[in-house]
PDB file of N, CA and C in Angstrom:
ATOM      1  N   MET A   1      13.595  14.821 -32.872  1.00  0.00           N
ATOM      2  CA  MET A   1      12.798  13.309 -32.042  1.00  0.00           C
ATOM      3  C   MET A   1      13.508  13.652 -30.923  1.00  0.00           C
ATOM      4  N   ARG A   2      12.732  12.334 -29.471  1.00  0.00           N
ATOM      5  CA  ARG A   2      13.249  12.626 -28.263  1.00  0.00           C
ATOM      6  C   ARG A   2      13.062  11.047 -28.431  1.00  0.00           C
ATOM      7  N   LYS A   3      13.661  10.440 -28.082  1.00  0.00           N
ATOM      8  CA  LYS A   3      15.022   9.062 -27.695  1.00  0.00           C
ATOM      9  C   LYS A   3      13.845   8.833 -25.693  1.00  0.00           C
ATOM     10  N   GLU A   4      14.614   9.440 -24.955  1.00  0.00           N
ATOM     11  CA  GLU A   4      13.888   9.336 -23.576  1.00  0.00           C
ATOM     12  C   GLU A   4      12.521  10.155 -23.671  1.00  0.00           C
ATOM     13  N   PRO A   5      11.918   9.451 -22.677  1.00  0.00           N
ATOM     14  CA  PRO A   5      11.250  10.655 -21.645  1.00  0.00           C
ATOM     15  C   PRO A   5      11.612  11.430 -20.710  1.00  0.00           C
ATOM     16  N   PRO A   6      11.355  12.845 -20.515  1.00  0.00           N
ATOM     17  CA  PRO A   6      12.041  13.774 -19.099  1.00  0.00           C
ATOM     18  C   PRO A   6      11.233  13.319 -18.128  1.00  0.00           C
ATOM     19  N   ARG A   7      11.634  13.267 -16.904  1.00  0.00           N
ATOM     20  CA  ARG A   7      11.729  12.453 -15.947  1.00  0.00           C
ATOM     21  C   ARG A   7      10.368  12.533 -15.663  1.00  0.00           C
ATOM     22  N   GLY A   8       9.146  12.008 -14.837  1.00  0.00           N
ATOM     23  CA  GLY A   8       8.210  12.222 -14.559  1.00  0.00           C
ATOM     24  C   GLY A   8       7.304  11.878 -15.134  1.00  0.00           C
ATOM     25  N   GLU A   9       7.692  11.804 -16.377  1.00  0.00           N
ATOM     26  CA  GLU A   9       6.678  11.494 -17.598  1.00  0.00           C
ATOM     27  C   GLU A   9       6.358   9.986 -17.166  1.00  0.00           C
ATOM     28  N   GLU A  10       4.839   9.441 -18.016  1.00  0.00           N
ATOM     29  CA  GLU A  10       4.483   7.983 -17.748  1.00  0.00           C
ATOM     30  C   GLU A  10       5.535   7.377 -19.167  1.00  0.00           C
ATOM     31  N   VAL A  11       5.405   6.412 -19.463  1.00  0.00           N
ATOM     32  CA  VAL A  11       5.974   5.900 -20.217  1.00  0.00           C
ATOM     33  C   VAL A  11       4.736   4.738 -20.582  1.00  0.00           C
ATOM     34  N   ALA A  12       4.138   4.879 -22.035  1.00  0.00           N
ATOM     35  CA  ALA A  12       3.529   3.553 -22.587  1.00  0.00           C
ATOM     36  C   ALA A  12       4.023   2.194 -22.054  1.00  0.00           C
ATOM     37  N   ILE A  13       4.449   1.235 -21.666  1.00  0.00           N
ATOM     38  CA  ILE A  13       5.138  -0.182 -21.743  1.00  0.00           C
ATOM     39  C   ILE A  13       4.673  -1.444 -22.248  1.00  0.00           C
ATOM     40  N   ALA A  14       4.318  -2.037 -23.223  1.00  0.00           N
ATOM     41  CA  ALA A  14       3.479  -2.934 -23.795  1.00  0.00           C
ATOM     42  C   ALA A  14       3.877  -4.137 -22.475  1.00  0.00           C
ATOM     43  N   ALA A  15       2.740  -4.866 -22.157  1.00  0.00           N
ATOM     44  CA  ALA A  15       3.135  -6.531 -21.145  1.00  0.00           C
ATOM     45  C   ALA A  15       3.869  -7.107 -21.738  1.00  0.00           C
ATOM     46  N   PRO A  16       4.620  -8.286 -21.915  1.00  0.00           N
ATOM     47  CA  PRO A  16       5.430  -8.915 -22.141  1.00  0.00           C
ATOM     48  C   PRO A  16       4.725 -10.327 -21.989  1.00  0.00           C
ATOM     49  N   ASP A  17       4.584 -11.183 -22.950  1.00  0.00           N
ATOM     50  CA  ASP A  17       3.851 -12.333 -22.499  1.00  0.00           C
ATOM     51  C   ASP A  17       4.383 -13.030 -21.083  1.00  0.00           C
ATOM     52  N   CYS A  18       3.967 -14.167 -20.377  1.00  0.00           N
ATOM     53  CA  CYS A  18       4.725 -14.597 -20.152  1.00  0.00           C
ATOM     54  C   CYS A  18       4.924 -16.237 -20.458  1.00  0.00           C
ATOM     55  N   TYR A  19       5.903 -17.382 -19.461  1.00  0.00           N
ATOM     56  CA  TYR A  19       5.240 -17.861 -20.389  1.00  0.00           C
ATOM     57  C   TYR A  19       4.635 -19.153 -20.344  1.00  0.00           C
ATOM     58  N   CYS A  20       4.007 -19.339 -20.131  1.00  0.00           N
ATOM     59  CA  CYS A  20       2.402 -19.189 -19.583  1.00  0.00           C
ATOM     60  C   CYS A  20       1.407 -18.953 -21.275  1.00  0.00           C
ATOM     61  N   GLY A  21       2.022 -18.590 -21.312  1.00  0.00           N
ATOM     62  CA  GLY A  21       1.420 -17.671 -22.964  1.00  0.00           C
ATOM     63  C   GLY A  21       0.118 -16.668 -21.863  1.00  0.00           C
ATOM     64  N   ARG A  22       0.432 -16.045 -21.060  1.00  0.00           N
ATOM     65  CA  ARG A  22      -0.607 -15.089 -20.510  1.00  0.00           C
ATOM     66  C   ARG A  22       0.455 -13.593 -21.016  1.00  0.00           C
ATOM     67  N   LEU A  23      -0.575 -12.708 -20.167  1.00  0.00           N
ATOM     68  CA  LEU A  23      -0.215 -11.192 -20.287  1.00  0.00           C
ATOM     69  C   LEU A  23       0.037 -11.477 -19.215  1.00  0.00           C
ATOM     70  N   ALA A  24       1.169 -11.115 -19.280  1.00  0.00           N
ATOM     71  CA  ALA A  24       1.980 -10.821 -17.638  1.00  0.00           C
ATOM     72  C   ALA A  24       1.605  -9.516 -17.303  1.00  0.00           C
ATOM     73  N   ARG A  25       0.933  -9.306 -15.738  1.00  0.00           N
ATOM     74  CA  ARG A  25       0.930  -8.289 -14.897  1.00  0.00           C
ATOM     75  C   ARG A  25       2.266  -7.332 -14.336  1.00  0.00           C
ATOM     76  N   LEU A  26       1.697  -5.671 -14.791  1.00  0.00           N
ATOM     77  CA  LEU A  26       2.132  -5.280 -14.261  1.00  0.00           C
ATOM     78  C   LEU A  26       2.831  -5.575 -12.396  1.00  0.00           C
ATOM     79  N   GLN A  27       3.433  -4.645 -11.177  1.00  0.00           N
ATOM     80  CA  GLN A  27       2.696  -5.190 -10.355  1.00  0.00           C
ATOM     81  C   GLN A  27       4.310  -3.832 -10.351  1.00  0.00           C
ATOM     82  N   THR A  28       4.260  -3.396  -8.199  1.00  0.00           N
ATOM     83  CA  THR A  28       5.335  -2.782  -7.602  1.00  0.00           C
ATOM     84  C   THR A  28       5.520  -3.507  -6.203  1.00  0.00           C
ATOM     85  N   SER A  29       6.389  -3.401  -6.780  1.00  0.00           N
ATOM     86  CA  SER A  29       7.726  -3.166  -5.993  1.00  0.00           C
ATOM     87  C   SER A  29       7.626  -2.741  -4.437  1.00  0.00           C
ATOM     88  N   TRP A  30       6.980  -2.825  -3.113  1.00  0.00           N
ATOM     89  CA  TRP A  30       6.468  -1.661  -1.783  1.00  0.00           C
ATOM     90  C   TRP A  30       8.057  -2.698  -0.522  1.00  0.00           C
ATOM     91  N   THR A  31       9.012  -3.362  -1.240  1.00  0.00           N
ATOM     92  CA  THR A  31      10.171  -4.535  -0.617  1.00  0.00           C
ATOM     93  C   THR A  31      11.256  -2.402  -0.241  1.00  0.00           C
ATOM     94  N   GLU A  32      11.855  -2.302   0.932  1.00  0.00           N
ATOM     95  CA  GLU A  32      12.859  -1.448   0.734  1.00  0.00           C
ATOM     96  C   GLU A  32      13.646  -1.918   0.047  1.00  0.00           C
ATOM     97  N   SER A  33      14.452  -2.806  -0.421  1.00  0.00           N
ATOM     98  CA  SER A  33      15.438  -3.795  -1.218  1.00  0.00           C
ATOM     99  C   SER A  33      14.913  -2.446  -2.446  1.00  0.00           C
ATOM    100  N   ASN A  34      13.808  -2.614  -3.302  1.00  0.00           N
ATOM    101  CA  ASN A  34      13.061  -2.449  -4.324  1.00  0.00           C
ATOM    102  C   ASN A  34      11.888  -1.508  -4.004  1.00  0.00           C
ATOM    103  N   PRO A  35      12.362  -0.518  -3.378  1.00  0.00           N
ATOM    104  CA  PRO A  35      10.331   0.344  -3.373  1.00  0.00           C
ATOM    105  C   PRO A  35      10.338   1.462  -4.280  1.00  0.00           C
ATOM    106  N   LEU A  36       8.746   1.198  -5.328  1.00  0.00           N
ATOM    107  CA  LEU A  36       8.150   1.615  -5.785  1.00  0.00           C
ATOM    108  C   LEU A  36       9.195   1.467  -7.215  1.00  0.00           C
ATOM    109  N   ARG A  37       9.250  -0.021  -7.187  1.00  0.00           N
ATOM    110  CA  ARG A  37       9.921  -0.604  -8.603  1.00  0.00           C
ATOM    111  C   ARG A  37       8.879  -1.007  -9.602  1.00  0.00           C
ATOM    112  N   ARG A  38       8.824  -1.132 -10.508  1.00  0.00           N
ATOM    113  CA  ARG A  38       7.568  -1.750 -11.501  1.00  0.00           C
ATOM    114  C   ARG A  38       8.033  -3.152 -11.856  1.00  0.00           C
ATOM    115  N   PHE A  39       7.526  -4.891 -12.282  1.00  0.00           N
ATOM    116  CA  PHE A  39       8.079  -5.444 -12.845  1.00  0.00           C
ATOM    117  C   PHE A  39       6.828  -5.807 -13.076  1.00  0.00           C
ATOM    118  N   PHE A  40       7.252  -6.928 -14.165  1.00  0.00           N
ATOM    119  CA  PHE A  40       5.468  -8.107 -14.763  1.00  0.00           C
ATOM    120  C   PHE A  40       6.293  -9.748 -14.246  1.00  0.00           C
ATOM    121  N   VAL A  41       5.017 -10.042 -14.152  1.00  0.00           N
ATOM    122  CA  VAL A  41       5.111 -11.658 -13.012  1.00  0.00           C
ATOM    123  C   VAL A  41       4.161 -12.255 -13.720  1.00  0.00           C
ATOM    124  N   CYS A  42       4.296 -13.502 -13.949  1.00  0.00           N
ATOM    125  CA  CYS A  42       2.172 -14.163 -14.226  1.00  0.00           C
ATOM    126  C   CYS A  42       2.104 -13.467 -13.900  1.00  0.00           C
ATOM    127  N   PRO A  43       0.604 -13.812 -14.386  1.00  0.00           N
ATOM    128  CA  PRO A  43      -0.578 -13.292 -13.795  1.00  0.00           C
ATOM    129  C   PRO A  43      -1.304 -14.251 -12.476  1.00  0.00           C
ATOM    130  N   LYS A  44      -1.199 -16.321 -12.743  1.00  0.00           N
ATOM    131  CA  LYS A  44      -0.654 -16.823 -11.551  1.00  0.00           C
ATOM    132  C   LYS A  44       0.030 -16.617 -10.893  1.00  0.00           C
ATOM    133  N   SER A  45       0.630 -16.169 -10.781  1.00  0.00           N
ATOM    134  CA  SER A  45       1.446 -15.962  -9.092  1.00  0.00           C
ATOM    135  C   SER A  45       0.545 -15.034  -8.522  1.00  0.00           C
ATOM    136  N   GLU A  46      -0.026 -15.566  -7.642  1.00  0.00           N
ATOM    137  CA  GLU A  46      -0.675 -14.862  -5.738  1.00  0.00           C
ATOM    138  C   GLU A  46       0.049 -14.950  -4.851  1.00  0.00           C
ATOM    139  N   ARG A  47       0.023 -14.464  -3.724  1.00  0.00           N
ATOM    140  CA  ARG A  47       0.594 -14.976  -2.733  1.00  0.00           C
ATOM    141  C   ARG A  47       1.135 -16.858  -2.215  1.00  0.00           C
ATOM    142  N   GLY A  48       2.178 -16.541  -1.848  1.00  0.00           N
ATOM    143  CA  GLY A  48       2.433 -18.040  -1.816  1.00  0.00           C
ATOM    144  C   GLY A  48       2.749 -18.918  -3.532  1.00  0.00           C
ATOM    145  N   LYS A  49       1.875 -18.690  -4.365  1.00  0.00           N
ATOM    146  CA  LYS A  49       1.952 -19.395  -5.644  1.00  0.00           C
ATOM    147  C   LYS A  49       3.272 -18.339  -6.481  1.00  0.00           C
ATOM    148  N   LYS A  50       3.817 -18.702  -7.095  1.00  0.00           N
ATOM    149  CA  LYS A  50       4.547 -19.145  -7.996  1.00  0.00           C
ATOM    150  C   LYS A  50       4.347 -18.606 -10.146  1.00  0.00           C
ATOM    151  N   GLY A  51       2.841 -19.591 -10.432  1.00  0.00           N
ATOM    152  CA  GLY A  51       3.012 -19.111 -11.352  1.00  0.00           C
ATOM    153  C   GLY A  51       3.873 -20.013 -12.146  1.00  0.00           C
ATOM    154  N   CYS A  52       4.059 -19.631 -13.333  1.00  0.00           N
ATOM    155  CA  CYS A  52       4.726 -19.914 -14.036  1.00  0.00           C
ATOM    156  C   CYS A  52       6.246 -20.321 -14.068  1.00  0.00           C
ATOM    157  N   GLY A  53       7.020 -18.757 -12.911  1.00  0.00           N
ATOM    158  CA  GLY A  53       7.866 -18.138 -12.244  1.00  0.00           C
ATOM    159  C   GLY A  53       8.365 -17.074 -13.075  1.00  0.00           C
ATOM    160  N   PHE A  54       7.513 -16.364 -13.943  1.00  0.00           N
ATOM    161  CA  PHE A  54       7.802 -14.968 -15.011  1.00  0.00           C
ATOM    162  C   PHE A  54       7.630 -13.773 -13.881  1.00  0.00           C
ATOM    163  N   PHE A  55       9.403 -13.406 -14.484  1.00  0.00           N
ATOM    164  CA  PHE A  55       9.942 -12.097 -14.033  1.00  0.00           C
ATOM    165  C   PHE A  55      10.626 -10.910 -14.022  1.00  0.00           C
ATOM    166  N   VAL A  56       9.817 -10.131 -14.866  1.00  0.00           N
ATOM    167  CA  VAL A  56      11.195  -9.495 -14.977  1.00  0.00           C
ATOM    168  C   VAL A  56      11.100  -7.625 -14.932  1.00  0.00           C
ATOM    169  N   TRP A  57      11.774  -7.158 -14.664  1.00  0.00           N
ATOM    170  CA  TRP A  57      11.848  -5.073 -13.989  1.00  0.00           C
ATOM    171  C   TRP A  57      11.591  -4.434 -15.054  1.00  0.00           C
ATOM    172  N   VAL A  58      10.824  -3.985 -14.453  1.00  0.00           N
ATOM    173  CA  VAL A  58      10.611  -2.797 -15.773  1.00  0.00           C
ATOM    174  C   VAL A  58      11.529  -1.550 -15.296  1.00  0.00           C
ATOM    175  N   ASP A  59      11.369  -0.959 -14.332  1.00  0.00           N
ATOM    176  CA  ASP A  59      12.627   0.305 -13.614  1.00  0.00           C
ATOM    177  C   ASP A  59      13.679  -0.288 -14.102  1.00  0.00           C
ATOM    178  N   ILE A  60      14.916   0.732 -13.965  1.00  0.00           N
ATOM    179  CA  ILE A  60      15.900   0.561 -13.990  1.00  0.00           C
ATOM    180  C   ILE A  60      16.586   0.640 -12.538  1.00  0.00           C
ATOM    181  N   GLU A  61      17.517  -0.423 -11.615  1.00  0.00           N
ATOM    182  CA  GLU A  61      17.469  -0.193  -9.928  1.00  0.00           C
ATOM    183  C   GLU A  61      18.267   1.319  -9.943  1.00  0.00           C
ATOM    184  N   MET A  62      17.541   1.835  -8.677  1.00  0.00           N
ATOM    185  CA  MET A  62      17.327   3.534  -7.547  1.00  0.00           C
ATOM    186  C   MET A  62      19.375   3.502  -7.687  1.00  0.00           C
ATOM    187  N   PRO A  63      19.960   4.671  -7.555  1.00  0.00           N
ATOM    188  CA  PRO A  63      21.516   4.306  -6.725  1.00  0.00           C
ATOM    189  C   PRO A  63      20.871   4.354  -5.271  1.00  0.00           C
ATOM    190  N   PRO A  64      21.867   3.773  -4.691  1.00  0.00           N
ATOM    191  CA  PRO A  64      22.164   3.324  -3.583  1.00  0.00           C
ATOM    192  C   PRO A  64      20.882   4.334  -2.554  1.00  0.00           C
ATOM    193  N   ARG A  65      21.264   5.754  -2.399  1.00  0.00           N
ATOM    194  CA  ARG A  65      21.279   7.251  -1.810  1.00  0.00           C
ATOM    195  C   ARG A  65      19.498   7.810  -1.883  1.00  0.00           C
ATOM    196  N   GLU A  66      18.825   6.943  -3.458  1.00  0.00           N
ATOM    197  CA  GLU A  66      17.708   7.507  -3.540  1.00  0.00           C
ATOM    198  C   GLU A  66      16.720   6.107  -3.403  1.00  0.00           C
ATOM    199  N   ARG A  67      17.748   4.835  -3.352  1.00  0.00           N
ATOM    200  CA  ARG A  67      16.511   3.891  -2.975  1.00  0.00           C
ATOM    201  C   ARG A  67      16.918   4.046  -1.278  1.00  0.00           C
ATOM    202  N   ALA A  68      17.629   4.250  -0.432  1.00  0.00           N
ATOM    203  CA  ALA A  68      17.506   4.542   0.607  1.00  0.00           C
ATOM    204  C   ALA A  68      16.961   5.417   1.526  1.00  0.00           C
ATOM    205  N   LEU A  69      16.345   6.198   0.754  1.00  0.00           N
ATOM    206  CA  LEU A  69      15.165   7.810   1.129  1.00  0.00           C
ATOM    207  C   LEU A  69      13.705   7.203   0.534  1.00  0.00           C
ATOM    208  N   MET A  70      14.450   6.245   0.028  1.00  0.00           N
ATOM    209  CA  MET A  70      12.741   5.980  -1.662  1.00  0.00           C
ATOM    210  C   MET A  70      12.034   4.984   0.271  1.00  0.00           C
ATOM    211  N   ALA A  71      12.726   4.531   0.496  1.00  0.00           N
ATOM    212  CA  ALA A  71      13.031   3.184   1.786  1.00  0.00           C
ATOM    213  C   ALA A  71      12.646   4.030   3.213  1.00  0.00           C
ATOM    214  N   TRP A  72      13.035   4.536   2.954  1.00  0.00           N
ATOM    215  CA  TRP A  72      12.614   5.736   4.503  1.00  0.00           C
ATOM    216  C   TRP A  72      11.202   5.741   4.794  1.00  0.00           C
ATOM    217  N   LEU A  73      11.237   6.947   3.251  1.00  0.00           N
ATOM    218  CA  LEU A  73       9.467   7.469   2.833  1.00  0.00           C
ATOM    219  C   LEU A  73       8.664   6.393   3.411  1.00  0.00           C
ATOM    220  N   LEU A  74       8.669   4.997   2.810  1.00  0.00           N
ATOM    221  CA  LEU A  74       7.612   3.998   3.360  1.00  0.00           C
ATOM    222  C   LEU A  74       7.679   3.886   4.323  1.00  0.00           C
ATOM    223  N   ARG A  75       8.785   2.891   4.569  1.00  0.00           N
ATOM    224  CA  ARG A  75       8.440   2.943   6.225  1.00  0.00           C
ATOM    225  C   ARG A  75       8.523   3.995   7.466  1.00  0.00           C
ATOM    226  N   THR A  76       8.115   5.418   6.781  1.00  0.00           N
ATOM    227  CA  THR A  76       8.039   6.349   8.122  1.00  0.00           C
ATOM    228  C   THR A  76       6.235   6.133   7.020  1.00  0.00           C
ATOM    229  N   LYS A  77       5.967   6.323   6.254  1.00  0.00           N
ATOM    230  CA  LYS A  77       4.283   6.313   5.401  1.00  0.00           C
ATOM    231  C   LYS A  77       3.512   5.360   6.131  1.00  0.00           C
ATOM    232  N   ARG A  78       4.845   4.073   6.601  1.00  0.00           N
ATOM    233  CA  ARG A  78       4.154   2.163   7.656  1.00  0.00           C
ATOM    234  C   ARG A  78       3.424   3.385   8.870  1.00  0.00           C
ATOM    235  N   GLU A  79       4.034   3.760  10.057  1.00  0.00           N
ATOM    236  CA  GLU A  79       3.974   4.329  10.711  1.00  0.00           C
ATOM    237  C   GLU A  79       3.072   5.784  10.414  1.00  0.00           C
ATOM    238  N   PHE A  80       2.886   6.431  10.277  1.00  0.00           N
ATOM    239  CA  PHE A  80       1.529   7.488  10.413  1.00  0.00           C
ATOM    240  C   PHE A  80       0.413   7.023  10.374  1.00  0.00           C
ATOM    241  N   GLU A  81      -0.094   5.535   9.537  1.00  0.00           N
ATOM    242  CA  GLU A  81      -0.448   4.388   8.746  1.00  0.00           C
ATOM    243  C   GLU A  81      -0.898   3.448  10.252  1.00  0.00           C
ATOM    244  N   ASP A  82      -0.188   3.424  10.842  1.00  0.00           N
ATOM    245  CA  ASP A  82      -0.422   2.669  11.897  1.00  0.00           C
ATOM    246  C   ASP A  82      -0.806   3.311  12.886  1.00  0.00           C
ATOM    247  N   GLN A  83      -0.035   4.890  13.062  1.00  0.00           N
ATOM    248  CA  GLN A  83      -0.719   5.925  13.958  1.00  0.00           C
ATOM    249  C   GLN A  83      -2.249   5.964  13.907  1.00  0.00           C
ATOM    250  N   ILE A  84      -2.582   6.076  12.547  1.00  0.00           N
ATOM    251  CA  ILE A  84      -3.854   6.758  12.399  1.00  0.00           C
ATOM    252  C   ILE A  84      -4.814   5.660  12.084  1.00  0.00           C
ATOM    253  N   GLY A  85      -4.508   4.229  12.140  1.00  0.00           N
ATOM    254  CA  GLY A  85      -5.365   3.363  12.480  1.00  0.00           C
ATOM    255  C   GLY A  85      -5.542   2.992  13.766  1.00  0.00           C
ATOM    256  N   ARG A  86      -4.444   3.416  14.984  1.00  0.00           N
ATOM    257  CA  ARG A  86      -4.253   3.887  16.293  1.00  0.00           C
ATOM    258  C   ARG A  86      -5.426   4.131  17.285  1.00  0.00           C
ATOM    259  N   ALA A  87      -5.314   5.821  15.993  1.00  0.00           N
ATOM    260  CA  ALA A  87      -6.247   6.934  16.669  1.00  0.00           C
ATOM    261  C   ALA A  87      -7.090   6.649  16.278  1.00  0.00           C
ATOM    262  N   ARG A  88      -7.846   5.929  15.614  1.00  0.00           N
ATOM    263  CA  ARG A  88      -9.209   5.790  14.593  1.00  0.00           C
ATOM    264  C   ARG A  88      -9.545   4.576  16.416  1.00  0.00           C
ATOM    265  N   ALA A  89      -9.188   3.608  16.331  1.00  0.00           N
ATOM    266  CA  ALA A  89      -9.966   2.367  17.429  1.00  0.00           C
ATOM    267  C   ALA A  89      -9.775   3.782  18.522  1.00  0.00           C
ATOM    268  N   ARG A  90      -9.136   4.442  18.880  1.00  0.00           N
ATOM    269  CA  ARG A  90      -9.118   4.708  19.953  1.00  0.00           C
ATOM    270  C   ARG A  90     -10.209   5.909  19.993  1.00  0.00           C
ATOM    271  N   GLU A  91     -10.280   6.445  19.097  1.00  0.00           N
ATOM    272  CA  GLU A  91     -11.799   7.479  18.728  1.00  0.00           C
ATOM    273  C   GLU A  91     -13.042   6.762  18.356  1.00  0.00           C
ATOM    274  N   LYS A  92     -13.128   5.870  18.817  1.00  0.00           N
ATOM    275  CA  LYS A  92     -14.218   4.732  18.145  1.00  0.00           C
ATOM    276  C   LYS A  92     -14.490   4.293  19.638  1.00  0.00           C
ATOM    277  N   LYS A  93     -13.312   3.931  20.753  1.00  0.00           N
ATOM    278  CA  LYS A  93     -13.976   3.732  21.823  1.00  0.00           C
ATOM    279  C   LYS A  93     -14.438   5.109  22.547  1.00  0.00           C
ATOM    280  N   LEU A  94     -13.944   6.279  22.733  1.00  0.00           N
ATOM    281  CA  LEU A  94     -14.670   7.645  23.046  1.00  0.00           C
ATOM    282  C   LEU A  94     -15.896   7.787  22.810  1.00  0.00           C
ATOM    283  N   TRP A  95     -16.667   7.636  20.958  1.00  0.00           N
ATOM    284  CA  TRP A  95     -17.418   7.742  20.349  1.00  0.00           C
ATOM    285  C   TRP A  95     -18.559   6.745  21.668  1.00  0.00           C
ATOM    286  N   ILE A  96     -18.380   5.982  21.302  1.00  0.00           N
ATOM    287  CA  ILE A  96     -18.827   5.073  22.736  1.00  0.00           C
ATOM    288  C   ILE A  96     -18.791   5.013  24.709  1.00  0.00           C
ATOM    289  N   ALA A  97     -17.727   6.013  24.942  1.00  0.00           N
ATOM    290  CA  ALA A  97     -17.424   6.062  26.185  1.00  0.00           C
ATOM    291  C   ALA A  97     -18.965   7.298  26.299  1.00  0.00           C
ATOM    292  N   LEU A  98     -18.756   7.971  25.338  1.00  0.00           N
ATOM    293  CA  LEU A  98     -19.548   9.055  25.459  1.00  0.00           C
ATOM    294  C   LEU A  98     -21.510   8.566  24.970  1.00  0.00           C
ATOM    295  N   PHE A  99     -21.679   8.141  24.127  1.00  0.00           N
ATOM    296  CA  PHE A  99     -22.806   7.894  23.839  1.00  0.00           C
ATOM    297  C   PHE A  99     -23.021   7.158  24.932  1.00  0.00           C
ATOM    298  N   VAL A 100     -22.141   6.376  25.668  1.00  0.00           N
ATOM    299  CA  VAL A 100     -22.879   5.270  27.201  1.00  0.00           C
ATOM    300  C   VAL A 100     -23.050   6.282  28.630  1.00  0.00           C
ATOM    301  N   SER A 101     -21.494   7.332  28.488  1.00  0.00           N
ATOM    302  CA  SER A 101     -22.180   8.562  29.613  1.00  0.00           C
ATOM    303  C   SER A 101     -23.881   9.777  29.443  1.00  0.00           C
ATOM    304  N   TRP A 102     -24.224   8.973  28.045  1.00  0.00           N
ATOM    305  CA  TRP A 102     -25.104  10.463  28.256  1.00  0.00           C
ATOM    306  C   TRP A 102     -26.248   9.878  27.229  1.00  0.00           C
ATOM    307  N   ALA A 103     -26.245   8.035  28.415  1.00  0.00           N
ATOM    308  CA  ALA A 103     -27.087   7.501  27.955  1.00  0.00           C
ATOM    309  C   ALA A 103     -27.290   7.987  29.662  1.00  0.00           C
ATOM    310  N   PHE A 104     -26.621   6.929  30.132  1.00  0.00           N
ATOM    311  CA  PHE A 104     -26.539   7.354  31.335  1.00  0.00           C
ATOM    312  C   PHE A 104     -27.604   8.229  32.664  1.00  0.00           C
ATOM    313  N   VAL A 105     -26.237   9.431  31.849  1.00  0.00           N
ATOM    314  CA  VAL A 105     -26.372  10.937  31.975  1.00  0.00           C
ATOM    315  C   VAL A 105     -28.518  11.020  32.399  1.00  0.00           C
ATOM    316  N   PHE A 106     -28.512  10.372  30.528  1.00  0.00           N
ATOM    317  CA  PHE A 106     -30.629  11.027  30.182  1.00  0.00           C
ATOM    318  C   PHE A 106     -30.661  10.222  31.090  1.00  0.00           C
ATOM    319  N   MET A 107     -30.824   8.698  31.326  1.00  0.00           N
ATOM    320  CA  MET A 107     -31.915   7.511  32.629  1.00  0.00           C
ATOM    321  C   MET A 107     -31.602   8.792  33.321  1.00  0.00           C
ATOM    322  N   ILE A 108     -30.533   9.151  34.570  1.00  0.00           N
ATOM    323  CA  ILE A 108     -30.336   9.945  34.977  1.00  0.00           C
ATOM    324  C   ILE A 108     -31.143  11.086  35.451  1.00  0.00           C
ATOM    325  N   TRP A 109     -31.751  12.301  34.493  1.00  0.00           N
ATOM    326  CA  TRP A 109     -32.140  12.905  34.067  1.00  0.00           C
ATOM    327  C   TRP A 109     -33.559  13.073  33.989  1.00  0.00           C
ATOM    328  N   PHE A 110     -34.271  11.952  33.576  1.00  0.00           N
ATOM    329  CA  PHE A 110     -35.738  11.540  33.513  1.00  0.00           C
ATOM    330  C   PHE A 110     -35.895  10.321  34.691  1.00  0.00           C
ATOM    331  N   GLY A 111     -34.693  10.357  35.691  1.00  0.00           N
ATOM    332  CA  GLY A 111     -34.785   8.554  36.881  1.00  0.00           C
ATOM    333  C   GLY A 111     -35.685   7.479  36.520  1.00  0.00           C
ATOM    334  N   SER A 112     -35.353   7.573  35.291  1.00  0.00           N
ATOM    335  CA  SER A 112     -35.415   5.946  34.537  1.00  0.00           C
ATOM    336  C   SER A 112     -34.282   4.571  34.806  1.00  0.00           C
ATOM    337  N   VAL A 113     -33.101   5.137  36.074  1.00  0.00           N
ATOM    338  CA  VAL A 113     -31.866   4.596  36.563  1.00  0.00           C
ATOM    339  C   VAL A 113     -32.482   2.644  36.103  1.00  0.00           C
ATOM    340  N   VAL A 114     -31.788   1.804  35.250  1.00  0.00           N
ATOM    341  CA  VAL A 114     -32.302   0.293  36.243  1.00  0.00           C
ATOM    342  C   VAL A 114     -31.590  -0.064  37.076  1.00  0.00           C
TER     343      VAL A 114
END
């Protein structure tokens, strides 16, 4: 019988009750100091609100080298997402310009210039 699951295998984790008696919510950290590390938090806690203050890490802390690599990967992912967003905005502007230019050509072609 195995005591530890092999790397990469998902483990079922029972959610604990927080201090206010509710079932704690499982979240994932996206910070550079704790990338992809999971934790339980009070379900009442939202941005700017602490709820009852319940907080407990699920995963063990990554070694410094792996943590730095994950932080770099997350930073790179965000940069690519920003580039994609800018490219999509530019594409939208180009489609509008294309439509306007074709409408102008169409009006000239049929002699109904405003």
